[in-house]
Protein backbone atom coordinates (compact mmCIF):
# COMPACT_ATOMS: atom_id res chain seq x y z
CA UNK A 1 -0.03 0.05 0.06
CA UNK A 2 1.35 3.40 -0.96
CA UNK A 3 1.74 5.84 1.48
CA UNK A 4 1.22 9.63 0.97
CA UNK A 5 3.43 11.82 2.39
CA UNK A 6 1.70 15.42 3.25
CA UNK A 7 3.86 18.36 2.41
CA UNK A 8 3.89 21.08 4.36
CA UNK A 9 3.13 24.37 2.48
CA UNK A 10 6.20 26.75 2.81
CA UNK A 11 5.12 30.25 5.09
CA UNK A 12 6.96 33.11 5.54
CA UNK A 13 9.17 33.58 9.01
CA UNK A 14 7.87 36.03 11.16
CA UNK A 15 10.55 38.45 12.63
CA UNK A 16 12.83 36.88 15.16
CA UNK A 17 13.00 40.05 17.49
CA UNK A 18 11.46 43.38 17.48
CA UNK A 19 14.30 45.30 15.52
CA UNK A 20 12.68 42.85 12.46
CA UNK A 21 9.40 44.20 13.84
CA UNK A 22 10.52 48.18 13.80
CA UNK A 23 12.28 47.76 10.25
CA UNK A 24 9.19 46.03 8.58
CA UNK A 25 7.35 49.15 10.08
CA UNK A 26 9.63 51.74 9.19
CA UNK A 27 9.65 50.43 5.39
CA UNK A 28 5.84 50.43 5.30
CA UNK A 29 5.39 53.97 6.61
CA UNK A 30 8.34 55.16 4.19
CA UNK A 31 6.68 53.71 1.19
CA UNK A 32 2.94 54.16 2.13
CA UNK A 33 3.12 58.36 1.32
CA UNK A 34 3.96 57.20 -2.07
CA UNK A 35 1.50 54.52 -2.32
CA UNK A 36 -1.43 56.52 -1.34
CA UNK A 37 0.20 59.52 -3.60
CA UNK A 38 -0.62 56.61 -6.61
CA UNK A 39 -3.75 55.55 -5.11
CA UNK A 40 -5.44 59.16 -5.32
CA UNK A 41 -3.34 60.44 -8.50
CA UNK A 42 -3.42 57.38 -10.81
CA UNK A 43 -5.58 54.53 -9.63
CA UNK A 44 -8.43 55.99 -8.50
CA UNK A 45 -9.51 58.72 -11.24
CA UNK A 46 -9.44 55.65 -13.52
CA UNK A 47 -11.70 53.81 -11.60
CA UNK A 48 -13.98 56.43 -11.53
CA UNK A 49 -13.83 56.83 -15.28
CA UNK A 50 -13.86 53.42 -15.96
CA UNK A 51 -17.73 53.46 -14.17
CA UNK A 52 -18.48 56.77 -15.64
CA UNK A 53 -17.78 55.07 -19.24
CA UNK A 54 -20.47 52.71 -18.51
CA UNK A 55 -23.13 55.17 -17.49
CA UNK A 56 -24.91 58.16 -19.06
CA UNK A 57 -23.73 60.52 -16.55
CA UNK A 58 -24.23 64.49 -17.84
CA UNK A 59 -22.02 66.98 -16.06
CA UNK A 60 -24.09 68.33 -12.85
CA UNK A 61 -26.44 65.94 -12.73
CA UNK A 62 -27.74 64.25 -9.44
CA UNK A 63 -28.85 60.38 -10.58
CA UNK A 64 -27.30 58.53 -13.31
CA UNK A 65 -28.19 55.34 -15.22
CA UNK A 66 -26.49 52.23 -16.09
CA UNK A 67 -25.56 51.83 -19.85
CA UNK A 68 -23.67 48.82 -20.42
CA UNK A 69 -21.54 48.99 -23.93
CA UNK A 70 -23.90 51.57 -25.76
CA UNK A 71 -21.34 54.56 -24.91
CA UNK A 72 -18.76 52.25 -27.12
CA UNK A 73 -21.44 51.32 -29.35
CA UNK A 74 -22.13 55.09 -30.11
CA UNK A 75 -18.14 55.88 -30.61
CA UNK A 76 -17.80 52.82 -33.45
CA UNK A 77 -21.02 54.71 -35.67
CA UNK A 78 -20.16 58.20 -34.58
CA UNK A 79 -18.72 60.20 -37.55
CA UNK A 80 -17.50 63.02 -35.29
CA UNK A 81 -15.31 60.02 -33.33
CA UNK A 82 -14.06 58.59 -36.47
CA UNK A 83 -12.96 61.62 -38.45
CA UNK A 84 -11.19 62.78 -35.17
CA UNK A 85 -9.24 59.44 -34.51
CA UNK A 86 -8.00 59.31 -37.98
CA UNK A 87 -6.77 62.72 -38.29
CA UNK A 88 -4.89 61.95 -34.79
CA UNK A 89 -3.38 59.27 -36.90
CA UNK A 90 -2.45 61.28 -39.50
CA UNK A 91 -1.07 63.98 -37.47
CA UNK A 92 1.21 60.83 -35.38
CA UNK A 93 2.26 59.98 -39.21
CA UNK A 94 3.44 63.22 -39.67
CA UNK A 95 5.23 64.21 -36.42
CA UNK A 96 6.56 60.87 -35.43
CA UNK A 97 8.96 60.35 -38.32
CA UNK A 98 9.53 64.15 -38.17
CA UNK A 99 10.39 64.63 -34.73
CA UNK A 100 12.52 61.60 -34.26
CA UNK A 101 14.61 61.89 -37.70
CA UNK A 102 15.04 65.45 -37.78
CA UNK A 103 16.31 65.22 -33.84
CA UNK A 104 18.97 62.40 -34.44
CA UNK A 105 19.89 64.44 -37.55
CA UNK A 106 20.76 67.11 -35.73
CA UNK A 107 22.48 65.50 -32.56
CA UNK A 108 24.71 64.14 -34.92
CA UNK A 109 25.64 67.53 -36.71
CA UNK A 110 26.25 69.19 -33.10
CA UNK A 111 27.92 66.19 -31.94
CA UNK A 112 31.33 66.74 -33.59
CA UNK A 113 31.29 70.63 -32.84
CA UNK A 114 33.17 72.02 -30.17
CA UNK A 115 33.13 75.89 -29.70
CA UNK A 116 29.36 76.26 -30.95
CA UNK A 117 27.81 73.32 -29.60
CA UNK A 118 26.49 74.93 -26.53
CA UNK A 119 25.27 77.85 -28.31
CA UNK A 120 23.31 75.76 -30.90
CA UNK A 121 21.80 73.13 -28.22
CA UNK A 122 20.56 76.21 -26.52
CA UNK A 123 19.01 77.58 -29.59
CA UNK A 124 17.47 74.29 -30.59
CA UNK A 125 16.33 73.53 -26.80
CA UNK A 126 14.37 76.74 -26.42
CA UNK A 127 11.70 76.00 -28.10
CA UNK A 128 10.95 72.88 -25.36
CA UNK A 129 11.08 75.37 -22.60
CA UNK A 130 8.40 77.70 -24.02
CA UNK A 131 4.80 77.30 -23.47
CA UNK A 132 3.28 75.79 -26.26
CA UNK A 133 -0.15 77.83 -25.93
CA UNK A 134 1.71 81.61 -26.07
CA UNK A 135 3.85 80.42 -28.98
CA UNK A 136 0.62 79.28 -30.79
CA UNK A 137 -0.76 82.61 -30.63
CA UNK A 138 3.16 83.59 -31.96
CA UNK A 139 2.44 80.92 -35.08
CA UNK A 140 -1.50 82.74 -35.75
CA UNK A 141 0.73 85.75 -36.20
CA UNK A 142 3.53 84.14 -38.15
CA UNK A 143 1.06 81.73 -40.65
CA UNK A 144 -1.19 84.53 -41.06
CA UNK A 145 -2.68 84.36 -44.80
CA UNK A 146 -2.31 88.78 -45.13
CA UNK A 147 -0.35 89.93 -42.43
CA UNK A 148 2.00 86.96 -41.52
CA UNK A 149 5.62 87.22 -42.61
CA UNK A 150 6.04 83.06 -43.74
CA UNK A 151 3.18 84.76 -46.60
CA UNK A 152 4.82 87.72 -47.20
CA UNK A 153 8.18 85.95 -48.19
CA UNK A 154 5.69 83.44 -50.48
CA UNK A 155 4.57 86.46 -52.19
CA UNK A 156 7.80 88.14 -52.59
CA UNK A 157 8.95 84.51 -54.28
CA UNK A 158 6.72 85.35 -56.68
CA UNK A 159 4.01 82.21 -55.22
CA UNK A 160 -0.09 82.57 -53.91
CA UNK A 161 -0.60 82.99 -50.40
CA UNK A 162 -1.42 79.56 -48.60
CA UNK A 163 -4.13 79.28 -46.24
CA UNK A 164 -2.08 77.48 -43.55
CA UNK A 165 -4.53 77.35 -40.70
CA UNK A 166 -7.79 78.10 -42.95
CA UNK A 167 -7.87 75.71 -45.95
CA UNK A 168 -8.17 71.55 -44.56
CA UNK A 169 -5.64 70.12 -46.66
CA UNK A 170 -2.76 72.65 -44.72
CA UNK A 171 -4.31 72.62 -41.22
CA UNK A 172 -3.01 69.20 -39.76
CA UNK A 173 0.26 69.36 -41.40
CA UNK A 174 0.68 72.78 -40.21
CA UNK A 175 -0.19 71.63 -36.45
CA UNK A 176 2.03 68.82 -36.73
CA UNK A 177 5.25 71.19 -38.15
CA UNK A 178 4.27 73.42 -35.31
CA UNK A 179 4.79 70.07 -32.33
CA UNK A 180 7.79 69.24 -34.48
CA UNK A 181 9.37 72.19 -33.66
CA UNK A 182 8.31 71.72 -30.09
CA UNK A 183 9.77 68.85 -29.70
CA UNK A 184 12.86 67.97 -32.25
CA UNK A 185 15.32 70.07 -29.19
CA UNK A 186 14.07 67.72 -26.91
CA UNK A 187 14.69 64.32 -28.68
CA UNK A 188 18.08 65.96 -29.85
CA UNK A 189 19.34 66.46 -26.18
CA UNK A 190 18.46 62.67 -25.41
CA UNK A 191 20.31 61.74 -28.70
CA UNK A 192 23.05 63.72 -27.80
CA UNK A 193 23.07 61.67 -24.40
CA UNK A 194 23.41 58.67 -26.42
CA UNK A 195 26.00 59.26 -28.39
CA UNK A 196 28.12 61.27 -25.69
CA UNK A 197 27.95 56.91 -24.16
CA UNK A 198 29.70 55.39 -27.25
CA UNK A 199 33.20 54.51 -26.92
CA UNK A 200 35.40 56.40 -29.24
CA UNK A 201 37.42 53.26 -29.05
CA UNK A 202 35.22 51.33 -31.31
CA UNK A 203 35.44 54.38 -34.48
CA UNK A 204 39.13 53.97 -34.02
CA UNK A 205 39.04 50.17 -34.61
CA UNK A 206 36.05 50.59 -37.31
CA UNK A 207 38.60 53.13 -39.24
CA UNK A 208 41.32 50.55 -39.11
CA UNK A 209 39.52 47.97 -40.32
CA UNK A 210 39.07 50.04 -43.38
CA UNK A 211 35.46 52.15 -42.20
CA UNK A 212 36.43 55.61 -43.02
CA UNK A 213 33.36 57.54 -44.36
CA UNK A 214 31.23 59.33 -42.40
CA UNK A 215 27.89 57.24 -43.33
CA UNK A 216 29.31 54.16 -42.98
CA UNK A 217 30.74 54.87 -39.50
CA UNK A 218 26.90 56.08 -38.65
CA UNK A 219 25.15 52.96 -40.54
CA UNK A 220 27.76 49.98 -38.33
CA UNK A 221 28.03 51.82 -35.03
CA UNK A 222 26.49 54.86 -34.07
CA UNK A 223 23.15 53.62 -35.18
CA UNK A 224 23.10 50.35 -33.74
CA UNK A 225 24.32 51.55 -30.44
CA UNK A 226 22.03 54.17 -30.22
CA UNK A 227 19.03 51.54 -30.63
CA UNK A 228 17.88 52.11 -26.51
CA UNK A 229 18.07 55.60 -27.08
CA UNK A 230 16.08 55.52 -30.13
CA UNK A 231 13.40 52.88 -28.74
CA UNK A 232 12.96 55.77 -25.95
CA UNK A 233 12.67 58.54 -28.17
CA UNK A 234 10.37 56.93 -30.53
CA UNK A 235 7.70 55.76 -27.72
CA UNK A 236 8.00 59.05 -25.97
CA UNK A 237 7.62 61.14 -29.04
CA UNK A 238 4.37 59.08 -29.98
CA UNK A 239 2.98 59.65 -26.95
CA UNK A 240 3.38 63.02 -27.19
CA UNK A 241 2.24 63.04 -30.15
CA UNK A 242 -1.26 61.23 -29.60
CA UNK A 243 -1.53 63.85 -27.10
CA UNK A 244 -2.41 66.75 -29.06
CA UNK A 245 -4.57 69.38 -27.78
CA UNK A 246 -3.12 72.66 -26.91
CA UNK A 247 -2.62 74.08 -30.59
CA UNK A 248 -5.65 72.43 -31.83
CA UNK A 249 -7.44 74.34 -28.44
CA UNK A 250 -5.88 77.54 -29.31
CA UNK A 251 -5.65 77.85 -32.60
CA UNK A 252 -8.06 75.59 -34.65
CA UNK A 253 -10.53 75.04 -32.46
CA UNK A 254 -11.35 71.66 -34.53
CA UNK A 255 -11.52 73.77 -37.99
CA UNK A 256 -11.85 74.13 -40.39
CA UNK A 257 -14.49 71.81 -41.24
CA UNK A 258 -13.28 69.49 -38.74
CA UNK A 259 -9.82 68.51 -40.23
CA UNK A 260 -8.04 69.27 -37.44
CA UNK A 261 -10.45 68.00 -34.92
CA UNK A 262 -8.46 65.40 -32.80
CA UNK A 263 -9.48 62.80 -30.42
CA UNK A 264 -8.47 64.80 -27.40
CA UNK A 265 -10.06 67.65 -28.42
CA UNK A 266 -13.44 65.86 -29.43
CA UNK A 267 -13.28 64.45 -25.96
CA UNK A 268 -13.09 67.62 -24.37
CA UNK A 269 -16.06 69.07 -26.35
CA UNK A 270 -18.28 66.12 -25.30
CA UNK A 271 -17.23 66.30 -21.79
CA UNK A 272 -17.12 70.45 -21.27
CA UNK A 273 -18.88 71.44 -24.53
CA UNK A 274 -21.83 69.43 -24.54
CA UNK A 275 -21.48 68.22 -20.73
CA UNK A 276 -21.98 64.45 -21.68
CA UNK A 277 -19.84 62.99 -19.47
CA UNK A 278 -20.30 59.27 -19.55
CA UNK A 279 -19.55 59.56 -23.35
CA UNK A 280 -16.54 61.21 -22.86
CA UNK A 281 -15.29 58.95 -20.08
CA UNK A 282 -15.82 56.07 -22.59
CA UNK A 283 -14.07 58.23 -25.37
CA UNK A 284 -11.13 58.88 -23.31
CA UNK A 285 -10.87 54.56 -22.15
CA UNK A 286 -10.73 54.44 -25.47
CA UNK A 287 -7.92 56.65 -26.42
CA UNK A 288 -5.81 55.26 -23.33
CA UNK A 289 -6.02 51.93 -24.91
CA UNK A 290 -5.34 53.20 -28.16
CA UNK A 291 -2.08 55.07 -26.84
CA UNK A 292 -1.02 51.88 -24.27
CA UNK A 293 -1.65 49.16 -27.25
CA UNK A 294 0.46 51.51 -29.67
CA UNK A 295 3.41 51.75 -26.72
CA UNK A 296 3.54 48.10 -26.19
CA UNK A 297 3.62 47.69 -29.81
CA UNK A 298 6.54 49.73 -30.66
CA UNK A 299 8.31 48.25 -27.46
CA UNK A 300 8.19 44.97 -28.10
CA UNK A 301 8.95 45.44 -31.98
CA UNK A 302 11.83 47.71 -31.60
CA UNK A 303 13.10 45.58 -28.27
CA UNK A 304 13.89 43.01 -31.10
CA UNK A 305 16.59 45.26 -32.95
CA UNK A 306 17.99 47.36 -30.35
CA UNK A 307 21.59 46.40 -28.94
CA UNK A 308 22.21 46.84 -25.51
């Protein structure tokens, strides 16, 4: 007859003395403020958002009704939501390659400079330190069809005026160009930090092996070793591009004819103009899911090509 042997489950040994109890209490005491702040600032609002997305709550209403998935079904058939989602993806498709590519190009050009490097770093980083809402007003003047200097230069060169902010075909690329102008300095600093971490010995060894051209050194050494920095810059730039709101709210307000209405601005209109907070919460949840999926896919795809 087979005898079964009972194996006791592993247990966590209690603290042996008073000193260990004090150390554990001290650890809990030090970590609890950060944990409470995380709950209050991030987790609790996310739970409230999740609850409101299944209701018909309107701003100021005393009673709400549970709707289930009706808000999400409404979003699927809402032409305004689909248009704003398409505009957002077009905006990201313009900002992401230009913001990353120009940041890398400027960083490579500045990295070899000695005397003027600090000057150019300050010049390119100034847009990052400026308030985008205030600079949006400046861009409105610069791109004005009749008073703006940009169209003044075009007229002087014999071209027709362009309604950068009033023509549907131009408004979204113009807003994307403003965002690139605002982002490229920050990406430049990140790439400069990555370039500074590459050992110079590798370039000397590559030159001995016959890799003398600048393009060859970039493709064989610089670009592969910038993999971790590039992955971080791509993910952060895409998230920033998805969160576009300031320039749209100040400059175009979604116009003309909804051609610049992006997802966050559509959420703002539903929640704070039309007071449909339940529907706005559902759109916000969809926005968060899109950003999360986009970031995770980018990370997994780029992780396979990164050399640490």
